[in-house]
Amino acid sequence: MPALDPDLKKAIVHMPGVEKDKLLLRLVAKDAVLTEKLQFELVEHSATLDERRELIRQFIDRTANLNADSAGWLMMDMRTVSGYISRHLKVTKDKYGEVELMLYMLNTFYDHNAHLLAKYNSRTDKAADYIAKRTDQVLKKVAKLDPDYHIEFADDIHKLLSWVHYAAPAHYARQLGLPKEWLV
């Protein structure tokens, strides 16, 4: 997106308030994420954060219970859920919630679909790679959070690492250098 011409910026600043408001409303309506973000910040006053997290948790539960036929379908479902988690982060800037939801997603999908990821083979390859990369990503995000939160995530991370290292993603976990145990 090119930068605005300085003369155009001046002209916009000097527009009458009513015209500026109309223009702003038209522009905001064209960006769904910006609209949701403004709704969250200005109307909800960031008070619905827990409700938004709970909605995503419910979505994760429903999606994990769909009983995917293959590891490929499982990966597609996880990618869909990851999109919702990313949108949640864009709208709310909730880094704690992103980590919590990502850990919940990975562990829940494994709990409901462990049979699809029990062994590494050509059918589980892409899903195994995806899971290992997501695990690496979530560990890096946890490390960036305040150390006081690490204890809250310890059990979920231990559970995640234990199955990542002993199921289909183990090959990729070794390649990425994922720890077998997470030290708080």
C-alpha atoms as a PDB file:
ATOM      1  CA  MET A   1       0.000   0.000   0.000  1.00  0.00           C
ATOM      2  CA  PRO A   2       1.611   3.289  -1.078  1.00  0.00           C
ATOM      3  CA  ALA A   3       2.052   6.135   1.402  1.00  0.00           C
ATOM      4  CA  LEU A   4      -0.345   9.028   1.206  1.00  0.00           C
ATOM      5  CA  ASP A   5       0.768  12.133  -0.599  1.00  0.00           C
ATOM      6  CA  PRO A   6       1.495  14.925   1.958  1.00  0.00           C
ATOM      7  CA  ASP A   7      -0.890  17.286   0.145  1.00  0.00           C
ATOM      8  CA  LEU A   8      -3.668  14.705   0.333  1.00  0.00           C
ATOM      9  CA  LYS A   9      -3.044  14.250   4.059  1.00  0.00           C
ATOM     10  CA  LYS A  10      -3.401  18.007   4.611  1.00  0.00           C
ATOM     11  CA  ALA A  11      -6.590  18.101   2.536  1.00  0.00           C
ATOM     12  CA  ILE A  12      -8.098  15.227   4.548  1.00  0.00           C
ATOM     13  CA  VAL A  13      -7.184  16.869   7.862  1.00  0.00           C
ATOM     14  CA  HIS A  14      -8.892  20.102   6.742  1.00  0.00           C
ATOM     15  CA  MET A  15     -12.115  18.376   5.605  1.00  0.00           C
ATOM     16  CA  PRO A  16     -15.279  19.244   7.528  1.00  0.00           C
ATOM     17  CA  GLY A  17     -15.980  16.849  10.412  1.00  0.00           C
ATOM     18  CA  VAL A  18     -19.181  15.403   8.966  1.00  0.00           C
ATOM     19  CA  GLU A  19     -17.523  14.520   5.662  1.00  0.00           C
ATOM     20  CA  LYS A  20     -14.552  12.980   7.479  1.00  0.00           C
ATOM     21  CA  ASP A  21     -16.886  10.889   9.614  1.00  0.00           C
ATOM     22  CA  LYS A  22     -18.765   9.575   6.565  1.00  0.00           C
ATOM     23  CA  LEU A  23     -15.505   8.733   4.835  1.00  0.00           C
ATOM     24  CA  LEU A  24     -14.125   7.026   7.926  1.00  0.00           C
ATOM     25  CA  LEU A  25     -17.265   4.918   8.393  1.00  0.00           C
ATOM     26  CA  ARG A  26     -17.158   3.797   4.735  1.00  0.00           C
ATOM     27  CA  LEU A  27     -13.507   2.804   5.042  1.00  0.00           C
ATOM     28  CA  VAL A  28     -13.922   0.960   8.346  1.00  0.00           C
ATOM     29  CA  ALA A  29     -16.876  -1.019   6.984  1.00  0.00           C
ATOM     30  CA  LYS A  30     -14.637  -2.442   4.221  1.00  0.00           C
ATOM     31  CA  ASP A  31     -12.247  -4.110   6.690  1.00  0.00           C
ATOM     32  CA  ALA A  32     -13.945  -6.860   8.723  1.00  0.00           C
ATOM     33  CA  VAL A  33     -11.042  -7.348  11.161  1.00  0.00           C
ATOM     34  CA  LEU A  34     -10.795  -3.600  11.824  1.00  0.00           C
ATOM     35  CA  THR A  35     -14.552  -3.438  12.349  1.00  0.00           C
ATOM     36  CA  GLU A  36     -14.415  -6.307  14.855  1.00  0.00           C
ATOM     37  CA  LYS A  37     -11.412  -4.755  16.592  1.00  0.00           C
ATOM     38  CA  LEU A  38     -13.193  -1.406  16.972  1.00  0.00           C
ATOM     39  CA  GLN A  39     -16.305  -3.209  18.230  1.00  0.00           C
ATOM     40  CA  PHE A  40     -14.183  -5.008  20.845  1.00  0.00           C
ATOM     41  CA  GLU A  41     -12.311  -1.890  21.973  1.00  0.00           C
ATOM     42  CA  LEU A  42     -14.921   0.855  21.700  1.00  0.00           C
ATOM     43  CA  VAL A  43     -18.253  -0.868  22.297  1.00  0.00           C
ATOM     44  CA  GLU A  44     -17.352  -3.882  24.426  1.00  0.00           C
ATOM     45  CA  HIS A  45     -14.523  -1.990  26.185  1.00  0.00           C
ATOM     46  CA  SER A  46     -12.437  -5.189  26.102  1.00  0.00           C
ATOM     47  CA  ALA A  47     -14.823  -6.756  28.635  1.00  0.00           C
ATOM     48  CA  THR A  48     -15.702  -9.775  26.484  1.00  0.00           C
ATOM     49  CA  LEU A  49     -12.237 -11.303  26.316  1.00  0.00           C
ATOM     50  CA  ASP A  50     -13.128 -14.387  28.380  1.00  0.00           C
ATOM     51  CA  GLU A  51     -16.328 -14.913  26.376  1.00  0.00           C
ATOM     52  CA  ARG A  52     -14.386 -14.740  23.114  1.00  0.00           C
ATOM     53  CA  ARG A  53     -11.869 -17.307  24.393  1.00  0.00           C
ATOM     54  CA  GLU A  54     -14.690 -19.597  25.510  1.00  0.00           C
ATOM     55  CA  LEU A  55     -16.348 -19.411  22.079  1.00  0.00           C
ATOM     56  CA  ILE A  56     -13.105 -20.517  20.456  1.00  0.00           C
ATOM     57  CA  ARG A  57     -12.682 -23.332  23.006  1.00  0.00           C
ATOM     58  CA  GLN A  58     -16.197 -24.548  22.151  1.00  0.00           C
ATOM     59  CA  PHE A  59     -15.344 -24.364  18.449  1.00  0.00           C
ATOM     60  CA  ILE A  60     -12.188 -26.403  19.085  1.00  0.00           C
ATOM     61  CA  ASP A  61     -14.207 -29.036  20.955  1.00  0.00           C
ATOM     62  CA  ARG A  62     -16.838 -29.276  18.204  1.00  0.00           C
ATOM     63  CA  THR A  63     -14.214 -29.470  15.466  1.00  0.00           C
ATOM     64  CA  ALA A  64     -12.081 -32.057  17.270  1.00  0.00           C
ATOM     65  CA  ASN A  65     -15.174 -34.236  17.728  1.00  0.00           C
ATOM     66  CA  LEU A  66     -15.861 -34.395  13.985  1.00  0.00           C
ATOM     67  CA  ASN A  67     -13.895 -37.678  13.771  1.00  0.00           C
ATOM     68  CA  ALA A  68     -11.682 -36.907  10.807  1.00  0.00           C
ATOM     69  CA  ASP A  69     -11.065 -39.800   8.399  1.00  0.00           C
ATOM     70  CA  SER A  70      -7.376 -39.122   7.908  1.00  0.00           C
ATOM     71  CA  ALA A  71      -4.467 -37.096   9.214  1.00  0.00           C
ATOM     72  CA  GLY A  72      -4.904 -34.767   6.228  1.00  0.00           C
ATOM     73  CA  TRP A  73      -8.446 -33.880   7.240  1.00  0.00           C
ATOM     74  CA  LEU A  74      -7.293 -33.475  10.809  1.00  0.00           C
ATOM     75  CA  MET A  75      -4.627 -31.001   9.702  1.00  0.00           C
ATOM     76  CA  MET A  76      -7.183 -29.048   7.671  1.00  0.00           C
ATOM     77  CA  ASP A  77      -9.432 -28.807  10.732  1.00  0.00           C
ATOM     78  CA  MET A  78      -6.519 -27.614  12.875  1.00  0.00           C
ATOM     79  CA  ARG A  79      -5.607 -25.000  10.278  1.00  0.00           C
ATOM     80  CA  THR A  80      -9.181 -23.722  10.318  1.00  0.00           C
ATOM     81  CA  VAL A  81      -9.112 -23.415  14.106  1.00  0.00           C
ATOM     82  CA  SER A  82      -5.690 -21.723  13.939  1.00  0.00           C
ATOM     83  CA  GLY A  83      -7.224 -19.096  11.678  1.00  0.00           C
ATOM     84  CA  TYR A  84      -9.807 -18.294  14.332  1.00  0.00           C
ATOM     85  CA  ILE A  85      -7.090 -18.062  16.976  1.00  0.00           C
ATOM     86  CA  SER A  86      -5.057 -15.709  14.758  1.00  0.00           C
ATOM     87  CA  ARG A  87      -8.100 -13.531  14.186  1.00  0.00           C
ATOM     88  CA  HIS A  88      -8.712 -13.481  17.945  1.00  0.00           C
ATOM     89  CA  LEU A  89      -5.164 -12.188  18.417  1.00  0.00           C
ATOM     90  CA  LYS A  90      -5.558  -9.513  15.720  1.00  0.00           C
ATOM     91  CA  VAL A  91      -8.802  -8.281  17.248  1.00  0.00           C
ATOM     92  CA  THR A  92      -7.936  -8.454  20.944  1.00  0.00           C
ATOM     93  CA  LYS A  93      -4.105  -8.437  21.092  1.00  0.00           C
ATOM     94  CA  ASP A  94      -4.536 -11.242  23.651  1.00  0.00           C
ATOM     95  CA  LYS A  95      -1.136 -12.990  23.606  1.00  0.00           C
ATOM     96  CA  TYR A  96      -1.924 -15.045  26.718  1.00  0.00           C
ATOM     97  CA  GLY A  97      -5.159 -16.221  25.137  1.00  0.00           C
ATOM     98  CA  GLU A  98      -3.382 -17.117  21.905  1.00  0.00           C
ATOM     99  CA  VAL A  99      -0.989 -19.424  23.764  1.00  0.00           C
ATOM    100  CA  GLU A 100      -3.751 -20.905  25.898  1.00  0.00           C
ATOM    101  CA  LEU A 101      -5.974 -21.580  22.901  1.00  0.00           C
ATOM    102  CA  MET A 102      -3.161 -22.996  20.772  1.00  0.00           C
ATOM    103  CA  LEU A 103      -2.151 -25.430  23.524  1.00  0.00           C
ATOM    104  CA  TYR A 104      -5.786 -26.356  24.047  1.00  0.00           C
ATOM    105  CA  MET A 105      -6.264 -26.935  20.316  1.00  0.00           C
ATOM    106  CA  LEU A 106      -3.200 -29.162  19.901  1.00  0.00           C
ATOM    107  CA  ASN A 107      -3.933 -31.257  22.989  1.00  0.00           C
ATOM    108  CA  THR A 108      -7.670 -31.549  22.288  1.00  0.00           C
ATOM    109  CA  PHE A 109      -7.150 -32.646  18.694  1.00  0.00           C
ATOM    110  CA  TYR A 110      -4.673 -35.254  19.847  1.00  0.00           C
ATOM    111  CA  ASP A 111      -6.972 -36.500  22.621  1.00  0.00           C
ATOM    112  CA  HIS A 112      -9.823 -37.043  20.156  1.00  0.00           C
ATOM    113  CA  ASN A 113      -7.784 -38.259  17.172  1.00  0.00           C
ATOM    114  CA  ALA A 114      -4.686 -39.983  18.558  1.00  0.00           C
ATOM    115  CA  HIS A 115      -5.277 -43.039  16.364  1.00  0.00           C
ATOM    116  CA  LEU A 116      -4.695 -40.957  13.223  1.00  0.00           C
ATOM    117  CA  LEU A 117      -1.305 -39.748  14.437  1.00  0.00           C
ATOM    118  CA  ALA A 118      -0.007 -42.835  16.204  1.00  0.00           C
ATOM    119  CA  LYS A 119       2.636 -43.704  13.586  1.00  0.00           C
ATOM    120  CA  TYR A 120       4.642 -41.711  11.109  1.00  0.00           C
ATOM    121  CA  ASN A 121       3.986 -42.615   7.479  1.00  0.00           C
ATOM    122  CA  SER A 122       3.286 -40.917   4.166  1.00  0.00           C
ATOM    123  CA  ARG A 123      -0.332 -40.248   5.154  1.00  0.00           C
ATOM    124  CA  THR A 124       0.623 -38.533   8.426  1.00  0.00           C
ATOM    125  CA  ASP A 125       3.651 -36.642   7.085  1.00  0.00           C
ATOM    126  CA  LYS A 126       2.117 -33.216   6.480  1.00  0.00           C
ATOM    127  CA  ALA A 127       0.031 -33.267   9.648  1.00  0.00           C
ATOM    128  CA  ALA A 128       3.075 -34.348  11.674  1.00  0.00           C
ATOM    129  CA  ASP A 129       5.133 -31.495  10.221  1.00  0.00           C
ATOM    130  CA  TYR A 130       2.336 -29.011  10.910  1.00  0.00           C
ATOM    131  CA  ILE A 131       1.933 -30.161  14.517  1.00  0.00           C
ATOM    132  CA  ALA A 132       5.664 -30.023  15.217  1.00  0.00           C
ATOM    133  CA  LYS A 133       5.930 -26.507  13.767  1.00  0.00           C
ATOM    134  CA  ARG A 134       2.902 -25.334  15.748  1.00  0.00           C
ATOM    135  CA  THR A 135       4.408 -26.812  18.898  1.00  0.00           C
ATOM    136  CA  ASP A 136       7.664 -24.966  18.225  1.00  0.00           C
ATOM    137  CA  GLN A 137       5.712 -21.770  17.629  1.00  0.00           C
ATOM    138  CA  VAL A 138       3.719 -22.063  20.845  1.00  0.00           C
ATOM    139  CA  LEU A 139       6.872 -22.755  22.896  1.00  0.00           C
ATOM    140  CA  LYS A 140       8.461 -19.590  21.517  1.00  0.00           C
ATOM    141  CA  LYS A 141       5.341 -17.589  22.334  1.00  0.00           C
ATOM    142  CA  VAL A 142       5.216 -18.945  25.881  1.00  0.00           C
ATOM    143  CA  ALA A 143       8.848 -17.945  26.371  1.00  0.00           C
ATOM    144  CA  LYS A 144       7.938 -14.351  25.454  1.00  0.00           C
ATOM    145  CA  LEU A 145       5.193 -14.182  28.078  1.00  0.00           C
ATOM    146  CA  ASP A 146       5.816 -13.103  31.662  1.00  0.00           C
ATOM    147  CA  PRO A 147       7.554 -15.977  33.528  1.00  0.00           C
ATOM    148  CA  ASP A 148       4.732 -16.012  36.085  1.00  0.00           C
ATOM    149  CA  TYR A 149       2.468 -17.512  33.398  1.00  0.00           C
ATOM    150  CA  HIS A 150       4.843 -20.394  32.684  1.00  0.00           C
ATOM    151  CA  ILE A 151       3.547 -22.390  35.645  1.00  0.00           C
ATOM    152  CA  GLU A 152      -0.017 -22.096  34.356  1.00  0.00           C
ATOM    153  CA  PHE A 153       0.973 -23.659  31.036  1.00  0.00           C
ATOM    154  CA  ALA A 154       3.391 -26.280  32.387  1.00  0.00           C
ATOM    155  CA  ASP A 155       0.971 -29.245  32.469  1.00  0.00           C
ATOM    156  CA  ASP A 156      -0.405 -28.562  28.993  1.00  0.00           C
ATOM    157  CA  ILE A 157       3.086 -28.158  27.556  1.00  0.00           C
ATOM    158  CA  HIS A 158       4.317 -31.381  29.184  1.00  0.00           C
ATOM    159  CA  LYS A 159       1.326 -33.249  27.776  1.00  0.00           C
ATOM    160  CA  LEU A 160       1.891 -31.762  24.310  1.00  0.00           C
ATOM    161  CA  LEU A 161       5.618 -32.512  24.275  1.00  0.00           C
ATOM    162  CA  SER A 162       5.088 -36.066  25.447  1.00  0.00           C
ATOM    163  CA  TRP A 163       2.825 -36.975  22.554  1.00  0.00           C
ATOM    164  CA  VAL A 164       4.710 -34.908  19.966  1.00  0.00           C
ATOM    165  CA  HIS A 165       7.881 -36.851  20.746  1.00  0.00           C
ATOM    166  CA  TYR A 166       6.255 -40.297  20.810  1.00  0.00           C
ATOM    167  CA  ALA A 167       3.783 -40.141  17.939  1.00  0.00           C
ATOM    168  CA  ALA A 168       3.887 -39.191  14.248  1.00  0.00           C
ATOM    169  CA  PRO A 169       5.412 -35.696  14.783  1.00  0.00           C
ATOM    170  CA  ALA A 170       8.507 -37.147  16.559  1.00  0.00           C
ATOM    171  CA  HIS A 171      10.708 -36.967  13.440  1.00  0.00           C
ATOM    172  CA  TYR A 172       9.947 -33.284  12.915  1.00  0.00           C
ATOM    173  CA  ALA A 173      10.180 -32.558  16.642  1.00  0.00           C
ATOM    174  CA  ARG A 174      13.767 -33.838  16.595  1.00  0.00           C
ATOM    175  CA  GLN A 175      14.538 -31.790  13.483  1.00  0.00           C
ATOM    176  CA  LEU A 176      13.214 -28.636  15.131  1.00  0.00           C
ATOM    177  CA  GLY A 177      15.059 -29.398  18.356  1.00  0.00           C
ATOM    178  CA  LEU A 178      11.932 -29.417  20.482  1.00  0.00           C
ATOM    179  CA  PRO A 179      12.688 -30.295  24.098  1.00  0.00           C
ATOM    180  CA  LYS A 180      11.371 -33.570  25.481  1.00  0.00           C
ATOM    181  CA  GLU A 181      10.603 -31.851  28.763  1.00  0.00           C
ATOM    182  CA  TRP A 182       9.775 -28.239  29.377  1.00  0.00           C
ATOM    183  CA  LEU A 183      11.483 -26.638  32.319  1.00  0.00           C
ATOM    184  CA  VAL A 184       9.549 -23.897  34.052  1.00  0.00           C
END
